[in-house]
Protein backbone atom coordinates (compact mmCIF):
# COMPACT_ATOMS: atom_id res chain seq x y z
CA MET A 1 160.53 203.57 -104.16
CA ARG A 2 159.85 202.44 -107.68
CA ILE A 3 158.90 199.30 -109.31
CA ILE A 4 161.81 197.59 -111.42
CA TYR A 5 160.56 194.40 -112.26
CA CYS A 6 157.04 192.35 -111.89
CA ALA A 7 157.48 188.77 -111.02
CA ASP A 8 155.44 186.49 -112.06
CA THR A 9 156.52 183.81 -109.10
CA ILE A 10 158.41 184.78 -104.83
CA ILE A 11 161.26 182.51 -106.56
CA ASP A 12 161.59 185.33 -109.44
CA ALA A 13 161.47 188.05 -107.18
CA ASN A 14 163.97 186.63 -104.78
CA LEU A 15 166.38 186.17 -107.61
CA VAL A 16 166.40 189.48 -108.44
CA LYS A 17 166.37 190.73 -104.89
CA GLY A 18 169.15 188.79 -104.66
CA ALA A 19 170.98 190.00 -107.25
CA LEU A 20 170.51 193.74 -106.53
CA GLU A 21 171.72 193.02 -102.80
CA ALA A 22 175.05 191.33 -104.35
CA GLU A 23 175.56 194.46 -106.41
CA GLY A 24 175.00 196.95 -103.16
CA VAL A 25 171.50 198.03 -104.28
CA ARG A 26 168.80 197.54 -101.48
CA ALA A 27 165.85 195.83 -102.86
CA PHE A 28 161.89 195.43 -101.88
CA ILE A 29 160.09 192.65 -102.57
CA SER A 30 156.26 193.55 -102.51
CA GLY A 31 152.97 191.57 -102.51
CA GLU A 32 154.78 188.57 -101.56
CA TYR A 33 152.59 188.03 -98.95
CA LEU A 34 149.65 187.79 -101.40
CA VAL A 35 150.33 185.30 -103.72
CA GLY A 36 148.99 182.36 -100.71
CA ALA A 37 145.26 184.33 -101.18
CA ILE A 38 144.94 183.95 -105.21
CA GLY A 39 141.72 182.34 -105.03
CA GLU A 40 140.62 186.11 -103.91
CA LEU A 41 142.65 188.42 -106.24
CA PRO A 42 143.02 188.34 -109.90
CA CYS A 43 146.89 186.44 -109.95
CA TRP A 44 148.54 188.70 -111.94
CA ASN A 45 151.54 191.45 -111.03
CA LEU A 46 150.94 190.65 -107.25
CA VAL A 47 155.01 190.40 -106.43
CA ASN A 48 156.83 193.42 -107.62
CA VAL A 49 160.97 194.55 -106.82
CA MET A 50 160.89 197.92 -105.93
CA VAL A 51 164.14 199.91 -105.61
CA ALA A 52 165.13 203.58 -104.42
CA ASP A 53 164.49 206.55 -106.97
CA GLU A 54 167.90 206.84 -106.85
CA ASP A 55 168.87 203.45 -107.27
CA VAL A 56 166.74 202.40 -110.96
CA GLU A 57 169.41 203.28 -112.86
CA ARG A 58 171.94 201.21 -111.17
CA ALA A 59 169.14 198.51 -110.68
CA LEU A 60 167.33 197.92 -114.18
CA PRO A 61 170.47 196.46 -115.96
CA VAL A 62 170.46 193.94 -113.02
CA ALA A 63 166.95 192.68 -113.69
CA GLN A 64 166.60 192.70 -116.86
CA ALA A 65 169.67 190.20 -117.01
CA ILE A 66 168.12 188.30 -114.69
CA ASP A 67 164.63 187.97 -116.60
CA ALA A 68 166.30 187.08 -120.03
CA ALA A 69 167.55 184.56 -118.26
CA LEU A 70 164.44 182.83 -116.95
CA SER A 71 162.67 183.68 -119.85
CA GLU A 72 165.48 180.75 -121.81
CA PRO A 73 164.07 177.44 -122.33
CA ARG A 74 165.94 174.96 -120.68
CA GLY A 75 165.61 171.45 -121.25
CA THR A 76 162.24 171.38 -122.93
CA GLU A 77 163.15 168.35 -125.00
CA PRO A 78 163.48 165.46 -124.01
CA ASP A 79 167.30 164.83 -125.90
CA ASP A 80 168.13 168.13 -124.41
CA PRO A 81 170.97 167.98 -121.71
CA VAL A 82 170.26 167.91 -118.33
CA PRO A 83 172.74 170.66 -116.62
CA ASP A 84 174.64 169.25 -113.67
CA GLY A 85 173.45 169.12 -110.12
CA VAL A 86 169.82 169.71 -111.79
CA PHE A 87 166.93 166.88 -111.59
CA ALA A 88 164.69 166.49 -114.53
CA GLY A 89 161.55 165.13 -113.62
């Protein structure tokens, strides 16, 4: 097993895992249950998405695409349109 994605949140990790599984790549989230212990542990690189060694080449482009989409700023300015179905707070 190899780590292909270091997630900021459990949600991000599950997005990557779901996208990988939709492509037929089995994925595993490690550290998912460590997030509850944030006060006791250093709070970086806790949640990772892992795949089998033979699936790394297929999995990396999927993980990179999700990471790029998550990095795009959305609705940060008051005049930015909010997509349908999304609630702005």
